[in-house]
Amino acid sequence: MGRRFFGTDGIRGRTNQGVMTAATAMKVGQAAGRHFLRGDHRHRVVIGKDTRLSGYMMESALVAGFTSVGMDVIMTGPLPTPAIALLTREMRADLGVMISASHNPFEDNGIKLFGPDGFKLSDADELAIEAMLDQELPLADARQIGRARRIDDARGRYIHAVKQTVSSEIRFDGLKVVVDCANGAAYQVAPSAIWELGAKVIPIGVEPNGTNINDKVGSTSLDAIKAKVIETGADIGIALDGDADRLIVVDEKGETVDGDQIMALIALRLHGKGALKGGGIVATVMSNLGLERCLQGHGLTLERAKVGDRYVLEKMRAGGFNVGGEQSGHMILLDHATTGDGTIAAMRVLASLVRSGKRASEMLHQFDPVPQLLKNVRYDGGAPLDDAHVKQAIADAESELAGRGRLVIRPSGTEPVIRVMAEGDDEGQVERVVDSICDAVRAAA
């Protein structure tokens, strides 16, 4: 059965259009609720959200769906995605739901589902739920309808869990940290957690109004945090996205530190303590070749997965790795969380900064990235990657880069776009091979 609702990270779309309506959300609640009604205990689901205006509507619809099939609902209000995964396990819930479209603009929203173990659902579970969305599902008897309640201490529980990932002898006293929460789900918890460990926190992106999430702030829009770091003379900047499962860092000079550098730092610190599992880390096909070479220099491997944190996580669990992530900032640290957690990753970075005694610009740039170029080519229809001339252009590029670089060609999963990425030691060569493939795709489209 093909997917009509679930993508690589739950269900996502423009609010009040397509799959992202209140009616669909209620059906998802009913279907997911029925799917996880297993055993004779009283069933419960934890529901969190980010700060989007549509979150209220989607939350209400999901509550109606879950309670109508007999599942109790616990609502947390705005919290990061990883907090919902954590609370689902802690509260022995049968299911967790995060209402968020991550780094997308406020007009979009999404529904992410977690199983009772706090991990995102398997393909089999998602397909089973999809199959139920077109069915008339049996509803609970009037006496068995679920109850809904809000809990007031969810933020405190998550802050405590985040702080527990830092060794008890570490304090952030003396650090001046700019924390950009993207006007999103972490606007209260991330600054609080860092402040409670002693840092002077300068918060930005902490005034959500329902429509300003990810708007010129956060990990996908770094101008604001770079300016604030320079203006305030901060030691470091921490930038999260709308649901706080991503982290991008800015050093004291205002320079960007992406997910590849953060993964290298965390992995090498753990390796030095003998605590890195799997003999390396898991990243995606988009991670820089410089990261791979850096790890190889320490006898470690870089396993590559398809783009998407769920694919990284699958490979981590299969291979026994405890560190993985994406260049875009998803940081999965399985010793502490079951999904990407930008705040926990930030704690690891800040603790390393304290231990090293170095400036962020000295510590965070673990390797020199090789030149990397990504271009997108839009097409009207057909299958340009099947064209003989395109295949030949790709083969020529691979031959030219052999031993000196890397080529990644992939169609977008959400729009008619071919993504062409190359990297290598010769910047001119990288640009040349990318342009040649793009030209061939355009001619075939």
Protein backbone atom coordinates (compact mmCIF):
# COMPACT_ATOMS: atom_id res chain seq x y z
CA MET A 1 0.00 0.00 0.00
CA GLY A 2 1.37 3.45 -0.93
CA ARG A 3 1.60 6.31 1.53
CA ARG A 4 -1.00 9.05 1.23
CA PHE A 5 -0.59 10.67 4.64
CA PHE A 6 2.72 9.73 6.26
CA GLY A 7 5.99 11.08 4.90
CA THR A 8 9.50 10.63 6.25
CA ASP A 9 8.59 12.47 9.46
CA GLY A 10 4.93 11.90 10.21
CA ILE A 11 2.11 13.77 8.50
CA ARG A 12 2.80 17.33 7.35
CA GLY A 13 1.18 19.96 5.14
CA ARG A 14 -0.43 23.37 4.82
CA THR A 15 -3.03 23.90 7.53
CA ASN A 16 -6.66 23.56 6.42
CA GLN A 17 -5.58 22.06 3.12
CA GLY A 18 -4.97 18.49 1.95
CA VAL A 19 -4.06 16.15 4.79
CA MET A 20 -3.63 18.82 7.45
CA THR A 21 -7.23 19.52 8.48
CA ALA A 22 -9.07 19.12 11.77
CA ALA A 23 -11.18 16.36 10.23
CA THR A 24 -8.07 14.39 9.26
CA ALA A 25 -6.51 14.97 12.68
CA MET A 26 -9.58 13.53 14.39
CA LYS A 27 -9.44 10.47 12.13
CA VAL A 28 -5.73 10.06 12.89
CA GLY A 29 -6.56 10.15 16.59
CA GLN A 30 -9.22 7.50 16.15
CA ALA A 31 -7.08 5.27 13.93
CA ALA A 32 -3.89 5.56 16.01
CA GLY A 33 -5.92 5.12 19.17
CA ARG A 34 -7.57 1.95 17.90
CA HIS A 35 -4.23 0.61 16.67
CA PHE A 36 -2.63 1.03 20.09
CA LEU A 37 -5.55 -0.27 22.17
CA ARG A 38 -3.65 -3.36 23.22
CA GLY A 39 -4.26 -5.18 26.48
CA ASP A 40 -6.87 -4.56 29.16
CA HIS A 41 -5.23 -1.61 30.97
CA ARG A 42 -6.50 1.96 30.78
CA HIS A 43 -4.84 3.40 27.69
CA ARG A 44 -3.35 6.87 27.44
CA VAL A 45 -1.68 9.17 24.92
CA VAL A 46 0.58 12.17 25.57
CA ILE A 47 0.01 15.14 23.22
CA GLY A 48 2.39 18.09 22.88
CA LYS A 49 2.68 20.88 20.36
CA ASP A 50 4.81 23.79 19.25
CA THR A 51 3.61 27.40 19.15
CA ARG A 52 1.74 27.54 15.83
CA LEU A 53 -1.69 29.17 15.79
CA SER A 54 -3.16 26.00 14.28
CA GLY A 55 -1.85 23.91 17.17
CA TYR A 56 -4.97 24.61 19.22
CA MET A 57 -7.23 23.38 16.42
CA MET A 58 -5.17 20.26 15.73
CA GLU A 59 -4.86 19.47 19.43
CA SER A 60 -8.62 19.68 19.96
CA ALA A 61 -9.29 17.46 16.95
CA LEU A 62 -6.78 14.84 18.07
CA VAL A 63 -8.20 14.87 21.60
CA ALA A 64 -11.68 14.27 20.16
CA GLY A 65 -10.39 11.37 18.08
CA PHE A 66 -8.46 9.64 20.85
CA THR A 67 -11.12 10.02 23.53
CA SER A 68 -13.85 8.84 21.16
CA VAL A 69 -12.19 5.42 20.88
CA GLY A 70 -11.60 5.16 24.63
CA MET A 71 -8.06 6.47 25.09
CA ASP A 72 -7.24 8.95 27.87
CA VAL A 73 -5.31 12.06 26.81
CA ILE A 74 -2.59 13.97 28.66
CA MET A 75 -1.83 17.40 27.17
CA THR A 76 1.46 19.14 27.92
CA GLY A 77 1.15 22.42 26.00
CA PRO A 78 4.17 23.71 24.04
CA LEU A 79 7.18 21.42 24.46
CA PRO A 80 9.99 20.19 22.21
CA THR A 81 9.45 17.03 20.18
CA PRO A 82 12.02 15.05 22.23
CA ALA A 83 10.20 16.01 25.43
CA ILE A 84 7.07 14.26 24.18
CA ALA A 85 9.09 11.15 23.36
CA LEU A 86 10.54 11.26 26.89
CA LEU A 87 7.19 11.77 28.62
CA THR A 88 5.56 9.00 26.60
CA ARG A 89 8.05 6.55 28.13
CA GLU A 90 8.06 8.10 31.59
CA MET A 91 4.28 8.12 31.93
CA ARG A 92 3.92 4.58 30.58
CA ALA A 93 1.74 5.92 27.80
CA ASP A 94 0.73 3.78 24.85
CA LEU A 95 1.37 6.55 22.33
CA GLY A 96 2.89 10.01 22.03
CA VAL A 97 1.90 12.77 19.61
CA MET A 98 3.77 15.94 18.69
CA ILE A 99 1.89 18.60 16.73
CA SER A 100 4.55 20.43 14.76
CA ALA A 101 5.92 21.12 11.29
CA SER A 102 9.44 21.53 12.67
CA HIS A 103 11.38 24.23 10.78
CA ASN A 104 8.52 25.02 8.34
CA PRO A 105 6.64 28.37 8.41
CA PHE A 106 3.64 28.82 10.68
CA GLU A 107 1.13 28.13 7.90
CA ASP A 108 2.18 24.46 7.93
CA ASN A 109 1.63 21.93 10.65
CA GLY A 110 2.27 18.26 11.23
CA ILE A 111 1.57 15.21 13.37
CA LYS A 112 4.45 13.06 14.63
CA LEU A 113 3.67 9.81 16.42
CA PHE A 114 5.79 7.95 18.98
CA GLY A 115 5.29 4.42 20.24
CA PRO A 116 5.32 3.46 23.92
CA ASP A 117 9.12 3.06 23.75
CA GLY A 118 9.51 6.73 22.77
CA PHE A 119 10.73 5.93 19.24
CA LYS A 120 8.99 7.11 16.10
CA LEU A 121 6.59 4.57 14.65
CA SER A 122 7.74 1.84 12.30
CA ASP A 123 6.67 1.77 8.67
CA ALA A 124 4.37 -1.14 9.51
CA ASP A 125 2.58 0.84 12.23
CA GLU A 126 2.20 3.89 10.00
CA LEU A 127 0.79 1.83 7.13
CA ALA A 128 -1.63 0.09 9.48
CA ILE A 129 -2.88 3.47 10.73
CA GLU A 130 -3.16 4.79 7.17
CA ALA A 131 -5.27 1.79 6.19
CA MET A 132 -7.72 2.64 8.98
CA LEU A 133 -8.19 6.29 7.98
CA ASP A 134 -10.74 5.44 5.30
CA GLN A 135 -12.68 3.05 7.53
CA GLU A 136 -15.60 3.60 9.86
CA LEU A 137 -13.97 2.72 13.15
CA PRO A 138 -15.85 1.38 16.18
CA LEU A 139 -16.24 4.00 18.87
CA ALA A 140 -16.12 3.49 22.62
CA ASP A 141 -19.22 2.85 24.66
CA ALA A 142 -20.46 6.00 26.36
CA ARG A 143 -19.07 4.85 29.72
CA GLN A 144 -15.67 4.08 28.18
CA ILE A 145 -15.02 7.39 26.41
CA GLY A 146 -11.56 8.68 27.31
CA ARG A 147 -10.82 11.56 29.67
CA ALA A 148 -8.53 14.50 28.87
CA ARG A 149 -6.40 16.53 31.24
CA ARG A 150 -3.49 18.96 31.12
CA ILE A 151 -0.40 18.49 33.27
CA ASP A 152 1.38 21.50 34.72
CA ASP A 153 4.81 20.06 35.46
CA ALA A 154 5.78 18.77 32.00
CA ARG A 155 8.28 21.61 31.41
CA GLY A 156 9.98 20.97 34.73
CA ARG A 157 10.25 17.24 34.06
CA TYR A 158 11.95 17.88 30.73
CA ILE A 159 14.32 20.53 32.11
CA HIS A 160 15.38 18.10 34.83
CA ALA A 161 16.01 15.35 32.26
CA VAL A 162 18.08 17.69 30.08
CA LYS A 163 20.27 18.79 33.00
CA GLN A 164 20.82 15.16 34.00
CA THR A 165 22.76 14.64 30.75
CA VAL A 166 25.53 16.91 32.11
CA SER A 167 27.96 15.56 34.68
CA SER A 168 27.23 16.88 38.17
CA GLU A 169 30.62 18.60 38.52
CA ILE A 170 30.10 20.72 35.39
CA ARG A 171 28.80 24.27 35.79
CA PHE A 172 28.31 26.86 33.08
CA ASP A 173 29.32 29.77 35.34
CA GLY A 174 31.11 32.46 33.37
CA LEU A 175 29.63 31.48 30.01
CA LYS A 176 27.56 34.06 28.16
CA VAL A 177 25.21 32.15 25.84
CA VAL A 178 22.77 33.48 23.25
CA VAL A 179 19.88 31.01 22.97
CA ASP A 180 17.60 31.33 19.91
CA CYS A 181 14.43 29.28 20.30
CA ALA A 182 12.87 30.19 16.92
CA ASN A 183 9.73 31.43 18.72
CA GLY A 184 8.98 27.74 18.96
CA ALA A 185 8.46 24.85 21.31
CA ALA A 186 11.61 25.34 23.43
CA TYR A 187 11.05 29.04 24.18
CA GLN A 188 10.71 28.36 27.90
CA VAL A 189 12.64 25.16 28.55
CA ALA A 190 15.94 25.67 26.67
CA PRO A 191 16.89 29.06 28.19
CA SER A 192 15.81 27.81 31.63
CA ALA A 193 17.86 24.61 31.49
CA ILE A 194 21.03 26.44 30.43
CA TRP A 195 20.51 29.23 32.99
CA GLU A 196 19.95 26.73 35.81
CA LEU A 197 23.45 25.35 35.22
CA GLY A 198 24.94 28.79 35.75
CA ALA A 199 25.26 30.44 32.34
CA LYS A 200 24.27 34.02 31.62
CA VAL A 201 21.57 33.49 29.01
CA ILE A 202 20.61 36.04 26.38
CA PRO A 203 17.37 34.68 24.89
CA ILE A 204 16.01 35.57 21.46
CA GLY A 205 13.13 34.00 19.57
CA VAL A 206 11.23 33.54 22.83
CA GLU A 207 8.12 35.62 22.14
CA PRO A 208 5.82 33.33 20.15
CA ASN A 209 2.56 34.83 18.92
CA GLY A 210 1.26 31.93 16.86
CA THR A 211 2.53 33.22 13.52
CA ASN A 212 6.21 34.04 14.06
CA ILE A 213 7.66 30.56 14.56
CA ASN A 214 10.87 30.17 12.48
CA ASP A 215 10.36 33.70 11.13
CA LYS A 216 13.85 35.24 10.71
CA VAL A 217 15.03 33.32 13.80
CA GLY A 218 16.11 29.80 14.64
CA SER A 219 18.49 27.26 13.17
CA THR A 220 17.38 27.89 9.58
CA SER A 221 17.73 31.69 9.79
CA LEU A 222 20.96 32.59 11.56
CA ASP A 223 21.37 36.32 10.90
CA ALA A 224 19.65 37.31 14.15
CA ILE A 225 21.70 35.08 16.44
CA LYS A 226 24.98 35.95 14.69
CA ALA A 227 24.29 39.65 15.18
CA LYS A 228 23.33 39.12 18.84
CA VAL A 229 26.46 37.07 19.60
CA ILE A 230 28.69 39.82 18.19
CA GLU A 231 26.68 42.65 19.78
CA THR A 232 26.74 41.13 23.28
CA GLY A 233 30.23 39.64 23.17
CA ALA A 234 28.78 36.21 23.90
CA ASP A 235 30.94 33.11 24.13
CA ILE A 236 28.62 31.04 21.94
CA GLY A 237 25.20 31.00 20.29
CA ILE A 238 22.71 28.10 20.41
CA ALA A 239 20.08 28.05 17.62
CA LEU A 240 17.16 25.60 17.73
CA ASP A 241 14.35 25.10 15.23
CA GLY A 242 10.60 25.27 15.78
CA ASP A 243 10.25 21.93 17.56
CA ALA A 244 13.81 21.96 19.00
CA ASP A 245 15.04 18.70 17.55
CA ARG A 246 17.76 20.54 15.59
CA LEU A 247 20.82 22.46 16.76
CA ILE A 248 23.11 24.81 14.89
CA VAL A 249 25.86 26.62 16.83
CA VAL A 250 27.43 30.04 16.27
CA ASP A 251 30.91 30.66 17.68
CA GLU A 252 32.04 33.90 19.37
CA LYS A 253 33.14 35.28 15.99
CA GLY A 254 29.66 34.79 14.51
CA GLU A 255 30.72 31.82 12.38
CA THR A 256 28.30 28.94 11.75
CA VAL A 257 29.02 25.49 13.19
CA ASP A 258 26.81 22.93 11.45
CA GLY A 259 25.68 19.47 12.45
CA ASP A 260 28.72 17.76 10.95
CA GLN A 261 31.10 19.70 13.20
CA ILE A 262 28.88 19.13 16.24
CA MET A 263 28.75 15.38 15.58
CA ALA A 264 32.54 15.30 15.23
CA LEU A 265 33.01 17.10 18.54
CA ILE A 266 30.61 14.88 20.48
CA ALA A 267 31.86 11.65 18.88
CA LEU A 268 35.53 12.39 19.48
CA ARG A 269 34.86 13.39 23.10
CA LEU A 270 33.04 10.10 23.70
CA HIS A 271 35.71 8.15 21.83
CA GLY A 272 38.36 9.65 24.10
CA LYS A 273 36.46 8.32 27.11
CA GLY A 274 35.86 4.91 25.52
CA ALA A 275 32.13 5.62 25.44
CA LEU A 276 31.49 5.84 21.68
CA LYS A 277 29.52 2.82 20.52
CA GLY A 278 29.48 1.18 17.10
CA GLY A 279 33.00 2.22 16.16
CA GLY A 280 31.86 5.50 14.64
CA ILE A 281 28.73 7.51 13.92
CA VAL A 282 25.79 7.52 11.52
CA ALA A 283 25.09 10.54 9.30
CA THR A 284 23.43 11.01 5.91
CA VAL A 285 24.62 11.09 2.33
CA MET A 286 24.74 14.90 2.64
CA SER A 287 27.37 15.02 5.39
CA ASN A 288 30.67 16.53 4.33
CA LEU A 289 33.55 14.35 3.19
CA GLY A 290 35.70 16.27 5.67
CA LEU A 291 33.74 14.67 8.52
CA GLU A 292 34.39 11.21 7.11
CA ARG A 293 38.12 11.90 6.80
CA CYS A 294 38.25 13.36 10.31
CA LEU A 295 36.72 10.23 11.80
CA GLN A 296 38.95 7.94 9.74
CA GLY A 297 41.94 9.77 11.17
CA HIS A 298 40.87 8.51 14.61
CA GLY A 299 40.14 4.97 13.43
CA LEU A 300 36.38 5.59 13.33
CA THR A 301 33.81 5.03 10.61
CA LEU A 302 31.04 7.17 9.13
CA GLU A 303 27.99 5.14 8.16
CA ARG A 304 25.73 7.00 5.73
CA ALA A 305 21.94 6.78 5.65
CA LYS A 306 19.30 8.34 3.44
CA VAL A 307 18.34 11.93 4.24
CA GLY A 308 15.92 12.02 7.17
CA ASP A 309 16.52 11.51 10.87
CA ARG A 310 14.35 8.39 10.94
CA TYR A 311 16.74 6.67 8.52
CA VAL A 312 19.71 7.74 10.62
CA LEU A 313 18.01 6.34 13.70
CA GLU A 314 17.18 3.05 11.99
CA LYS A 315 20.83 2.53 11.06
CA MET A 316 21.98 3.56 14.55
CA ARG A 317 19.74 1.03 16.24
CA ALA A 318 20.67 -1.72 13.79
CA GLY A 319 24.41 -1.12 14.21
CA GLY A 320 24.56 -0.32 17.92
CA PHE A 321 25.66 3.31 17.45
CA ASN A 322 24.98 5.95 20.09
CA VAL A 323 25.78 9.10 18.05
CA GLY A 324 24.19 10.12 14.78
CA GLY A 325 22.62 13.05 13.03
CA GLU A 326 22.40 15.30 10.02
CA GLN A 327 24.38 18.21 8.69
CA SER A 328 21.19 20.28 9.11
CA GLY A 329 21.44 19.90 12.88
CA HIS A 330 19.45 16.85 13.92
CA MET A 331 21.51 15.37 16.75
CA ILE A 332 20.53 11.90 17.96
CA LEU A 333 22.30 10.88 21.17
CA LEU A 334 20.81 7.52 22.07
CA ASP A 335 22.42 7.44 25.50
CA HIS A 336 20.07 10.27 26.44
CA ALA A 337 17.13 10.43 24.02
CA THR A 338 15.18 8.36 21.50
CA THR A 339 14.98 11.08 18.89
CA GLY A 340 16.84 14.22 17.82
CA ASP A 341 17.20 16.67 20.71
CA GLY A 342 18.75 20.09 20.06
CA THR A 343 18.77 21.12 23.72
CA ILE A 344 20.57 17.99 24.92
CA ALA A 345 23.10 18.36 22.10
CA ALA A 346 23.61 21.98 23.16
CA MET A 347 24.32 20.81 26.70
CA ARG A 348 27.01 18.46 25.38
CA VAL A 349 28.59 21.31 23.41
CA LEU A 350 28.54 23.69 26.38
CA ALA A 351 29.99 21.05 28.71
CA SER A 352 32.82 20.44 26.22
CA LEU A 353 33.45 24.18 26.06
CA VAL A 354 33.79 24.33 29.85
CA ARG A 355 36.08 21.28 30.00
CA SER A 356 38.36 22.49 27.20
CA GLY A 357 38.83 26.03 28.50
CA LYS A 358 39.07 27.09 24.87
CA ARG A 359 37.11 29.64 22.90
CA ALA A 360 34.27 28.25 20.81
CA SER A 361 36.06 29.08 17.55
CA GLU A 362 39.04 26.93 18.64
CA MET A 363 37.04 23.99 19.92
CA LEU A 364 34.10 23.67 17.57
CA HIS A 365 35.80 23.56 14.19
CA GLN A 366 36.97 19.97 14.31
CA PHE A 367 37.85 19.61 10.63
CA ASP A 368 38.14 21.61 7.41
CA PRO A 369 35.11 20.85 5.25
CA VAL A 370 35.84 20.13 1.62
CA PRO A 371 34.10 22.34 -0.97
CA GLN A 372 30.51 21.17 -1.33
CA LEU A 373 27.89 22.43 -3.78
CA LEU A 374 24.17 21.61 -3.91
CA LYS A 375 21.86 22.73 -6.71
CA ASN A 376 18.19 21.95 -7.30
CA VAL A 377 16.73 21.45 -10.77
CA ARG A 378 12.96 21.67 -11.15
CA TYR A 379 11.27 19.60 -13.84
CA ASP A 380 7.73 19.48 -15.26
CA GLY A 381 7.19 15.75 -15.45
CA GLY A 382 8.57 12.42 -16.50
CA ALA A 383 11.68 10.80 -15.07
CA PRO A 384 14.76 12.82 -16.08
CA LEU A 385 17.09 10.53 -14.15
CA ASP A 386 16.16 7.73 -16.58
CA ASP A 387 17.29 9.77 -19.59
CA ALA A 388 20.36 8.33 -21.34
CA HIS A 389 22.13 11.71 -21.55
CA VAL A 390 21.56 12.35 -17.83
CA LYS A 391 22.89 8.89 -16.96
CA GLN A 392 25.97 9.56 -19.06
CA ALA A 393 26.55 12.96 -17.41
CA ILE A 394 26.35 11.32 -13.99
CA ALA A 395 28.71 8.54 -15.01
CA ASP A 396 31.22 11.09 -16.37
CA ALA A 397 31.02 13.10 -13.15
CA GLU A 398 31.55 10.02 -10.98
CA SER A 399 34.57 9.07 -13.06
CA GLU A 400 36.04 12.57 -12.74
CA LEU A 401 35.54 12.67 -8.97
CA ALA A 402 36.73 9.11 -8.34
CA GLY A 403 39.07 9.09 -5.36
CA ARG A 404 38.89 12.87 -5.00
CA GLY A 405 35.28 13.58 -4.15
CA ARG A 406 31.72 12.41 -3.90
CA LEU A 407 28.48 12.80 -5.87
CA VAL A 408 24.90 12.53 -4.59
CA ILE A 409 21.91 12.73 -6.94
CA ARG A 410 18.45 12.37 -5.44
CA PRO A 411 14.89 13.36 -6.33
CA SER A 412 13.00 15.37 -3.72
CA GLY A 413 10.32 13.44 -1.90
CA THR A 414 7.96 16.43 -1.73
CA GLU A 415 8.31 18.36 -5.01
CA PRO A 416 9.35 17.84 -8.66
CA VAL A 417 13.01 18.67 -8.03
CA ILE A 418 16.25 16.80 -8.63
CA ARG A 419 18.92 17.61 -6.03
CA VAL A 420 22.48 17.49 -7.34
CA MET A 421 25.31 17.60 -4.79
CA ALA A 422 29.03 17.15 -5.29
CA GLU A 423 32.02 17.70 -3.07
CA GLY A 424 35.75 17.37 -3.46
CA ASP A 425 39.10 18.99 -2.88
CA ASP A 426 38.97 21.00 -6.12
CA GLU A 427 36.23 23.63 -5.84
CA GLY A 428 36.30 24.37 -9.57
CA GLN A 429 35.92 20.71 -10.41
CA VAL A 430 32.97 20.38 -8.01
CA GLU A 431 31.18 23.32 -9.61
CA ARG A 432 31.87 21.99 -13.10
CA VAL A 433 30.45 18.50 -12.50
CA VAL A 434 27.35 19.84 -10.73
CA ASP A 435 26.62 22.25 -13.57
CA SER A 436 27.09 19.55 -16.19
CA ILE A 437 24.55 17.26 -14.52
CA CYS A 438 22.10 20.12 -13.94
CA ASP A 439 22.31 21.10 -17.61
CA ALA A 440 21.62 17.49 -18.64
CA VAL A 441 18.61 17.25 -16.32
CA ARG A 442 17.19 20.52 -17.67
CA ALA A 443 17.61 19.33 -21.26
CA ALA A 444 15.80 16.08 -20.44
CA ALA A 445 12.99 17.64 -18.41
